[in-house]
Amino acid sequence: MFRQDTDRRHLFLLFAFALLIALLVAANPSEEAQAKGRKNHRMVGSSGTRLLAPDAAGSVEELFDGSGDMAGIVAANDAAGESELPAIPSPLGIESVIGSDGRAQVTTTTNYPYRANAFLKVKYNGGSGTCTGFFIGPRTLATAGHCVYDQTLGWATSIQVFPGRNGGTSPYGSAYACYLWSVDGWVDSGSTNYDYGAIILPSNKALGNTVGWYGFFYTTDGSSLDEDRVRIYGYPGDKTYATQWGMRGRIKTVNSRKLHHNLDTAGGQSGSAVYETRTNGPYANSIHTNGVYGTSPYNRSTRIVKGVFNNLKSWKDNPDCTP
């Protein structure tokens, strides 16, 4: 009897030890897995430059509320005589209206944070279309990876940025991108998990100093985002051309790289900030990229995890047009 009890204790200890090892492995992925994840977030520039962002200290990047002053900027109706471009489709799933359409038009696009959203006219060798971007610094906008790099056509050859555009009116004029960024996981692999990028403006077109920019943050605890109240505003292609629309909603499902939300969207709204409103302003937790696909009934955005956060901060703090 004593021998049997001892054997049981030995078996229990062996099982407990094996379980501990399994938990440690799950919590600490192999060096190979870590290296692969880091490579997917390696920055890729439109000239072919490839860089790894340094780890960023802290988890929240503060926002700046611009004055909206027109000083130094010549306002112009840059839309005069232009031809309308189609919305750039998301690479996976049609961006969707979920149930009844809950979007409302923003007519006060010179108010913050709406003026920090930008209508994007994107041209490629062999194609063109529209997307949305949002300012994260004086000369830097975050957007979807597929807005700067198309898996078939390659890098965009021209992106014209219109902050706070309202139909035919461009209250802050426009600027052309001088450099584009994305990451290996999107450019090389086409994975929607890494569908994000950035647009850099020239030093004499630091429009963010006037319109302001969004804060952004990451969290390692995905469950803390469940049912979070969020908002999205951008330029959907199913509404009057170049008008801004948006709504409030909630995060419904959290994955390691994507957030599923019940915010109504349409093509052209890729690159919009999915953000939380805090006491001191808006903070993006993800970048809208996809519509409904697979078994999920929700639209999706690329979650700002640590790797995304590090890159966004690097692109914000080092907006060099010739890296």
Protein backbone atom coordinates (compact mmCIF):
# COMPACT_ATOMS: atom_id res chain seq x y z
CA MET A 1 0.00 0.00 0.00
CA PHE A 2 2.83 2.37 0.93
CA ARG A 3 4.57 1.55 -2.38
CA GLN A 4 1.42 2.38 -4.39
CA ASP A 5 1.03 5.75 -2.62
CA THR A 6 4.67 6.56 -3.37
CA ASP A 7 4.22 5.67 -7.04
CA ARG A 8 1.16 7.88 -7.25
CA ARG A 9 3.09 10.78 -5.73
CA HIS A 10 5.91 10.25 -8.22
CA LEU A 11 3.47 10.21 -11.14
CA PHE A 12 1.78 13.37 -9.84
CA LEU A 13 5.15 15.14 -9.48
CA LEU A 14 6.17 14.09 -13.01
CA PHE A 15 2.86 15.35 -14.40
CA ALA A 16 3.19 18.66 -12.53
CA PHE A 17 6.77 19.09 -13.79
CA ALA A 18 5.72 18.39 -17.40
CA LEU A 19 2.85 20.87 -17.09
CA LEU A 20 5.23 23.52 -15.72
CA ILE A 21 7.63 23.01 -18.63
CA ALA A 22 4.75 23.30 -21.13
CA LEU A 23 3.57 26.55 -19.55
CA LEU A 24 7.09 27.99 -19.61
CA VAL A 25 7.48 27.11 -23.29
CA ALA A 26 4.13 28.71 -24.12
CA ALA A 27 5.03 31.85 -22.19
CA ASN A 28 8.54 32.01 -23.69
CA PRO A 29 8.46 31.12 -27.38
CA SER A 30 11.59 29.69 -28.93
CA GLU A 31 14.32 31.99 -30.23
CA GLU A 32 13.33 30.90 -33.75
CA ALA A 33 9.68 31.90 -33.17
CA GLN A 34 10.72 35.22 -31.63
CA ALA A 35 13.08 35.94 -34.54
CA LYS A 36 10.33 35.16 -37.05
CA GLY A 37 7.90 37.49 -35.29
CA ARG A 38 10.50 40.24 -35.15
CA LYS A 39 11.25 39.79 -38.87
CA ASN A 40 7.57 40.22 -39.73
CA HIS A 41 7.70 43.63 -38.01
CA ARG A 42 10.98 44.61 -39.71
CA MET A 43 10.38 47.94 -41.42
CA VAL A 44 10.52 48.03 -45.22
CA GLY A 45 10.81 51.37 -46.99
CA SER A 46 9.66 52.23 -50.49
CA SER A 47 13.32 52.50 -51.57
CA GLY A 48 14.04 48.99 -50.31
CA THR A 49 15.54 50.04 -46.96
CA ARG A 50 14.99 47.44 -44.21
CA LEU A 51 15.36 48.37 -40.55
CA LEU A 52 14.49 47.01 -37.13
CA ALA A 53 12.92 49.55 -34.78
CA PRO A 54 14.44 49.82 -31.31
CA ASP A 55 12.23 48.81 -28.41
CA ALA A 56 10.18 51.81 -27.35
CA ALA A 57 10.00 52.71 -23.68
CA GLY A 58 6.51 53.01 -22.26
CA SER A 59 3.23 51.88 -23.73
CA VAL A 60 1.44 55.13 -24.60
CA GLU A 61 2.49 57.76 -27.10
CA GLU A 62 1.06 61.15 -26.16
CA LEU A 63 -1.10 63.04 -28.60
CA PHE A 64 -0.91 66.67 -29.64
CA ASP A 65 -4.01 68.75 -30.26
CA GLY A 66 -3.17 71.11 -33.11
CA SER A 67 -4.46 74.63 -33.20
CA GLY A 68 -6.19 74.45 -36.56
CA ASP A 69 -4.54 77.78 -37.40
CA MET A 70 -4.12 78.27 -41.13
CA ALA A 71 -0.95 80.36 -40.70
CA GLY A 72 1.74 79.28 -43.14
CA ILE A 73 -0.58 77.01 -45.10
CA VAL A 74 -2.31 78.02 -48.27
CA ALA A 75 -5.79 76.52 -48.25
CA ALA A 76 -6.85 75.39 -51.68
CA ASN A 77 -9.59 73.49 -53.36
CA ASP A 78 -7.29 70.76 -54.60
CA ALA A 79 -10.30 68.78 -55.74
CA ALA A 80 -11.09 71.19 -58.57
CA GLY A 81 -11.41 69.38 -61.87
CA GLU A 82 -10.27 66.03 -60.51
CA SER A 83 -11.71 62.71 -61.59
CA GLU A 84 -13.11 60.47 -58.89
CA LEU A 85 -11.02 57.42 -58.02
CA PRO A 86 -12.40 54.09 -56.82
CA ALA A 87 -11.86 52.98 -53.23
CA ILE A 88 -8.94 50.62 -52.76
CA PRO A 89 -10.42 47.26 -51.72
CA SER A 90 -9.21 45.47 -48.61
CA PRO A 91 -7.13 42.37 -49.43
CA LEU A 92 -9.40 40.01 -47.53
CA GLY A 93 -13.12 40.40 -47.01
CA ILE A 94 -15.46 43.15 -48.17
CA GLU A 95 -15.58 45.97 -45.65
CA SER A 96 -19.10 45.76 -44.41
CA VAL A 97 -22.14 47.45 -42.99
CA ILE A 98 -23.17 45.18 -40.12
CA GLY A 99 -26.94 45.25 -39.81
CA SER A 100 -28.39 48.74 -40.26
CA ASP A 101 -25.93 51.46 -41.28
CA GLY A 102 -24.89 53.33 -38.14
CA ARG A 103 -22.49 55.76 -39.81
CA ALA A 104 -23.00 59.52 -39.68
CA GLN A 105 -21.32 62.14 -41.85
CA VAL A 106 -18.80 64.49 -40.30
CA THR A 107 -19.50 67.98 -41.62
CA THR A 108 -17.21 69.75 -39.13
CA THR A 109 -13.98 68.28 -40.48
CA THR A 110 -11.97 71.26 -39.23
CA ASN A 111 -12.66 70.16 -35.64
CA TYR A 112 -10.22 67.88 -33.84
CA PRO A 113 -9.76 64.92 -34.19
CA TYR A 114 -11.61 64.81 -37.53
CA ARG A 115 -9.08 67.16 -39.14
CA ALA A 116 -6.33 64.67 -38.20
CA ASN A 117 -7.97 62.14 -40.56
CA ALA A 118 -6.83 62.37 -44.16
CA PHE A 119 -8.33 61.41 -47.49
CA LEU A 120 -5.65 59.66 -49.57
CA LYS A 121 -5.41 59.62 -53.36
CA VAL A 122 -3.14 56.70 -54.19
CA LYS A 123 -1.56 55.92 -57.55
CA TYR A 124 0.40 52.85 -58.61
CA ASN A 125 2.01 51.82 -61.85
CA GLY A 126 -1.13 50.31 -63.33
CA GLY A 127 -3.79 51.41 -60.88
CA SER A 128 -5.17 54.05 -58.54
CA GLY A 129 -7.68 54.45 -55.74
CA THR A 130 -8.47 56.02 -52.38
CA CYS A 131 -7.76 55.17 -48.75
CA THR A 132 -7.71 56.82 -45.33
CA GLY A 133 -4.78 57.75 -43.10
CA PHE A 134 -4.47 59.42 -39.70
CA PHE A 135 -1.75 61.69 -38.37
CA ILE A 136 0.48 60.30 -35.60
CA GLY A 137 3.02 63.13 -35.76
CA PRO A 138 3.83 66.41 -37.55
CA ARG A 139 4.84 64.68 -40.80
CA THR A 140 3.72 61.08 -40.30
CA LEU A 141 0.44 59.31 -40.99
CA ALA A 142 -0.41 55.71 -40.13
CA THR A 143 -2.47 53.73 -42.62
CA ALA A 144 -3.11 50.20 -43.84
CA GLY A 145 -0.22 48.37 -45.48
CA HIS A 146 -2.28 47.69 -48.59
CA CYS A 147 -2.74 51.45 -49.07
CA VAL A 148 1.01 51.97 -49.57
CA TYR A 149 2.00 48.59 -51.03
CA ASP A 150 -0.17 46.51 -53.36
CA GLN A 151 0.65 42.79 -53.57
CA THR A 152 0.30 42.87 -57.37
CA LEU A 153 1.33 46.43 -58.33
CA GLY A 154 4.03 47.05 -55.74
CA TRP A 155 4.71 50.34 -53.99
CA ALA A 156 2.45 53.32 -54.57
CA THR A 157 4.13 55.80 -56.91
CA SER A 158 2.20 58.79 -55.55
CA ILE A 159 0.05 59.47 -52.47
CA GLN A 160 -1.67 62.84 -52.08
CA VAL A 161 -2.78 63.60 -48.52
CA PHE A 162 -5.81 65.82 -47.78
CA PRO A 163 -6.27 66.42 -44.02
CA GLY A 164 -9.85 67.06 -42.96
CA ARG A 165 -11.16 66.97 -46.48
CA ASN A 166 -14.91 67.49 -46.89
CA GLY A 167 -16.10 66.59 -50.37
CA GLY A 168 -14.76 69.21 -52.78
CA THR A 169 -13.25 71.31 -49.99
CA SER A 170 -9.70 70.83 -48.72
CA PRO A 171 -9.42 73.18 -45.70
CA TYR A 172 -5.72 72.48 -45.13
CA GLY A 173 -4.62 72.02 -48.71
CA SER A 174 -2.73 68.85 -49.51
CA ALA A 175 0.74 67.35 -49.54
CA TYR A 176 2.43 64.55 -51.46
CA ALA A 177 4.19 61.74 -49.64
CA CYS A 178 7.97 61.79 -49.88
CA TYR A 179 8.47 58.29 -48.44
CA LEU A 180 6.45 55.18 -47.59
CA TRP A 181 6.93 52.43 -45.01
CA SER A 182 5.48 49.02 -44.28
CA VAL A 183 6.88 45.76 -42.86
CA ASP A 184 8.20 42.38 -44.02
CA GLY A 185 5.08 40.58 -42.84
CA TRP A 186 3.02 42.55 -45.35
CA VAL A 187 5.44 43.34 -48.20
CA ASP A 188 7.08 39.90 -48.38
CA SER A 189 4.35 37.64 -47.00
CA GLY A 190 1.08 39.50 -47.66
CA SER A 191 -0.20 38.53 -44.22
CA THR A 192 -3.20 40.55 -43.11
CA ASN A 193 -1.84 40.25 -39.55
CA TYR A 194 0.89 42.73 -40.58
CA ASP A 195 -1.21 44.95 -42.82
CA TYR A 196 -0.03 48.36 -41.66
CA GLY A 197 2.28 51.12 -42.86
CA ALA A 198 3.12 54.81 -42.77
CA ILE A 199 3.29 57.87 -44.99
CA ILE A 200 5.99 60.52 -44.51
CA LEU A 201 5.47 64.11 -45.67
CA PRO A 202 8.22 66.59 -46.66
CA SER A 203 9.70 68.85 -43.98
CA ASN A 204 7.96 71.91 -45.46
CA LYS A 205 4.58 70.15 -45.22
CA ALA A 206 4.38 69.30 -41.53
CA LEU A 207 0.60 69.54 -41.58
CA GLY A 208 0.30 67.66 -38.30
CA ASN A 209 1.51 70.77 -36.48
CA THR A 210 -1.70 72.43 -37.62
CA VAL A 211 -4.28 69.64 -37.59
CA GLY A 212 -2.92 67.67 -34.61
CA TRP A 213 -2.45 63.92 -34.34
CA TYR A 214 -3.69 60.80 -32.58
CA GLY A 215 -2.09 59.08 -29.66
CA PHE A 216 -1.64 55.31 -29.85
CA PHE A 217 -0.98 52.51 -27.39
CA TYR A 218 -0.49 48.78 -27.02
CA THR A 219 -1.41 46.28 -24.36
CA THR A 220 -0.07 42.77 -23.77
CA ASP A 221 -3.36 41.78 -22.16
CA GLY A 222 -5.75 41.38 -25.07
CA SER A 223 -8.65 40.61 -22.78
CA SER A 224 -8.52 44.21 -21.55
CA LEU A 225 -9.76 45.30 -25.00
CA ASP A 226 -12.86 43.07 -24.99
CA GLU A 227 -16.04 45.12 -25.41
CA ASP A 228 -14.04 48.37 -25.35
CA ARG A 229 -15.98 51.34 -26.68
CA VAL A 230 -14.24 52.55 -29.83
CA ARG A 231 -14.79 54.94 -32.74
CA ILE A 232 -13.76 55.06 -36.36
CA TYR A 233 -13.87 57.91 -38.88
CA GLY A 234 -12.62 57.86 -42.43
CA TYR A 235 -13.48 58.13 -46.11
CA PRO A 236 -15.67 55.20 -47.26
CA GLY A 237 -16.13 54.78 -50.99
CA ASP A 238 -19.87 54.07 -50.80
CA LYS A 239 -20.68 57.65 -49.75
CA THR A 240 -20.36 60.98 -51.54
CA TYR A 241 -16.81 61.22 -52.84
CA ALA A 242 -14.20 62.32 -50.29
CA THR A 243 -16.68 62.90 -47.46
CA GLN A 244 -15.85 61.74 -43.94
CA TRP A 245 -18.09 59.30 -42.07
CA GLY A 246 -17.91 57.30 -38.88
CA MET A 247 -19.58 55.83 -35.83
CA ARG A 248 -19.14 54.41 -32.34
CA GLY A 249 -19.13 50.73 -31.49
CA ARG A 250 -17.27 48.02 -29.60
CA ILE A 251 -14.41 45.58 -29.90
CA LYS A 252 -16.10 42.17 -30.10
CA THR A 253 -13.22 39.68 -30.43
CA VAL A 254 -9.51 40.03 -29.70
CA ASN A 255 -6.88 37.97 -31.52
CA SER A 256 -3.12 38.15 -31.12
CA ARG A 257 -2.81 40.39 -34.21
CA LYS A 258 -6.33 41.49 -35.15
CA LEU A 259 -9.26 43.14 -33.43
CA HIS A 260 -12.80 42.34 -34.58
CA HIS A 261 -15.21 45.28 -34.26
CA ASN A 262 -18.84 46.02 -35.08
CA LEU A 263 -18.15 49.42 -36.68
CA ASP A 264 -19.70 49.86 -40.13
CA THR A 265 -17.15 50.47 -42.89
CA ALA A 266 -16.73 50.35 -46.65
CA GLY A 267 -13.83 50.22 -49.09
CA GLY A 268 -11.73 53.39 -48.89
CA GLN A 269 -11.86 53.42 -45.11
CA SER A 270 -8.86 51.13 -44.79
CA GLY A 271 -6.18 52.92 -42.79
CA SER A 272 -8.60 54.63 -40.40
CA ALA A 273 -7.80 54.75 -36.70
CA VAL A 274 -9.89 52.51 -34.45
CA TYR A 275 -9.56 54.50 -31.27
CA GLU A 276 -10.63 55.01 -27.69
CA THR A 277 -11.56 58.44 -26.36
CA ARG A 278 -9.89 59.19 -23.04
CA THR A 279 -9.99 62.27 -20.85
CA ASN A 280 -7.02 63.79 -22.67
CA GLY A 281 -7.92 62.75 -26.21
CA PRO A 282 -8.11 59.90 -28.73
CA TYR A 283 -5.73 56.92 -28.66
CA ALA A 284 -5.66 54.36 -31.47
CA ASN A 285 -5.54 50.68 -30.49
CA SER A 286 -5.59 49.39 -34.09
CA ILE A 287 -5.63 50.32 -37.78
CA HIS A 288 -8.70 49.32 -39.80
CA THR A 289 -7.90 46.94 -42.67
CA ASN A 290 -10.50 44.27 -43.42
CA GLY A 291 -14.14 43.41 -43.69
CA VAL A 292 -16.09 40.30 -42.75
CA TYR A 293 -14.56 36.96 -43.74
CA GLY A 294 -14.32 33.43 -42.38
CA THR A 295 -16.55 32.64 -39.44
CA SER A 296 -16.42 36.06 -37.79
CA PRO A 297 -19.36 38.41 -38.50
CA TYR A 298 -17.25 41.50 -37.77
CA ASN A 299 -14.91 43.92 -39.53
CA ARG A 300 -11.25 43.78 -38.53
CA SER A 301 -8.28 45.97 -37.77
CA THR A 302 -4.56 45.36 -37.29
CA ARG A 303 -3.96 45.45 -33.57
CA ILE A 304 -1.23 47.74 -32.21
CA VAL A 305 0.94 45.23 -30.39
CA LYS A 306 4.44 46.07 -29.16
CA GLY A 307 6.07 45.50 -32.57
CA VAL A 308 3.55 47.76 -34.29
CA PHE A 309 3.90 50.37 -31.53
CA ASN A 310 7.70 50.41 -31.87
CA ASN A 311 7.48 50.94 -35.62
CA LEU A 312 4.82 53.67 -35.40
CA LYS A 313 6.94 55.52 -32.84
CA SER A 314 10.05 55.17 -35.02
CA TRP A 315 8.19 56.46 -38.07
CA LYS A 316 6.79 59.34 -36.00
CA ASP A 317 10.09 60.33 -34.38
CA ASN A 318 12.36 59.83 -37.41
CA PRO A 319 10.43 61.05 -40.46
CA ASP A 320 13.38 61.02 -42.88
CA CYS A 321 12.44 61.13 -46.54
CA THR A 322 15.76 59.57 -47.57
CA PRO A 323 16.57 56.82 -45.05
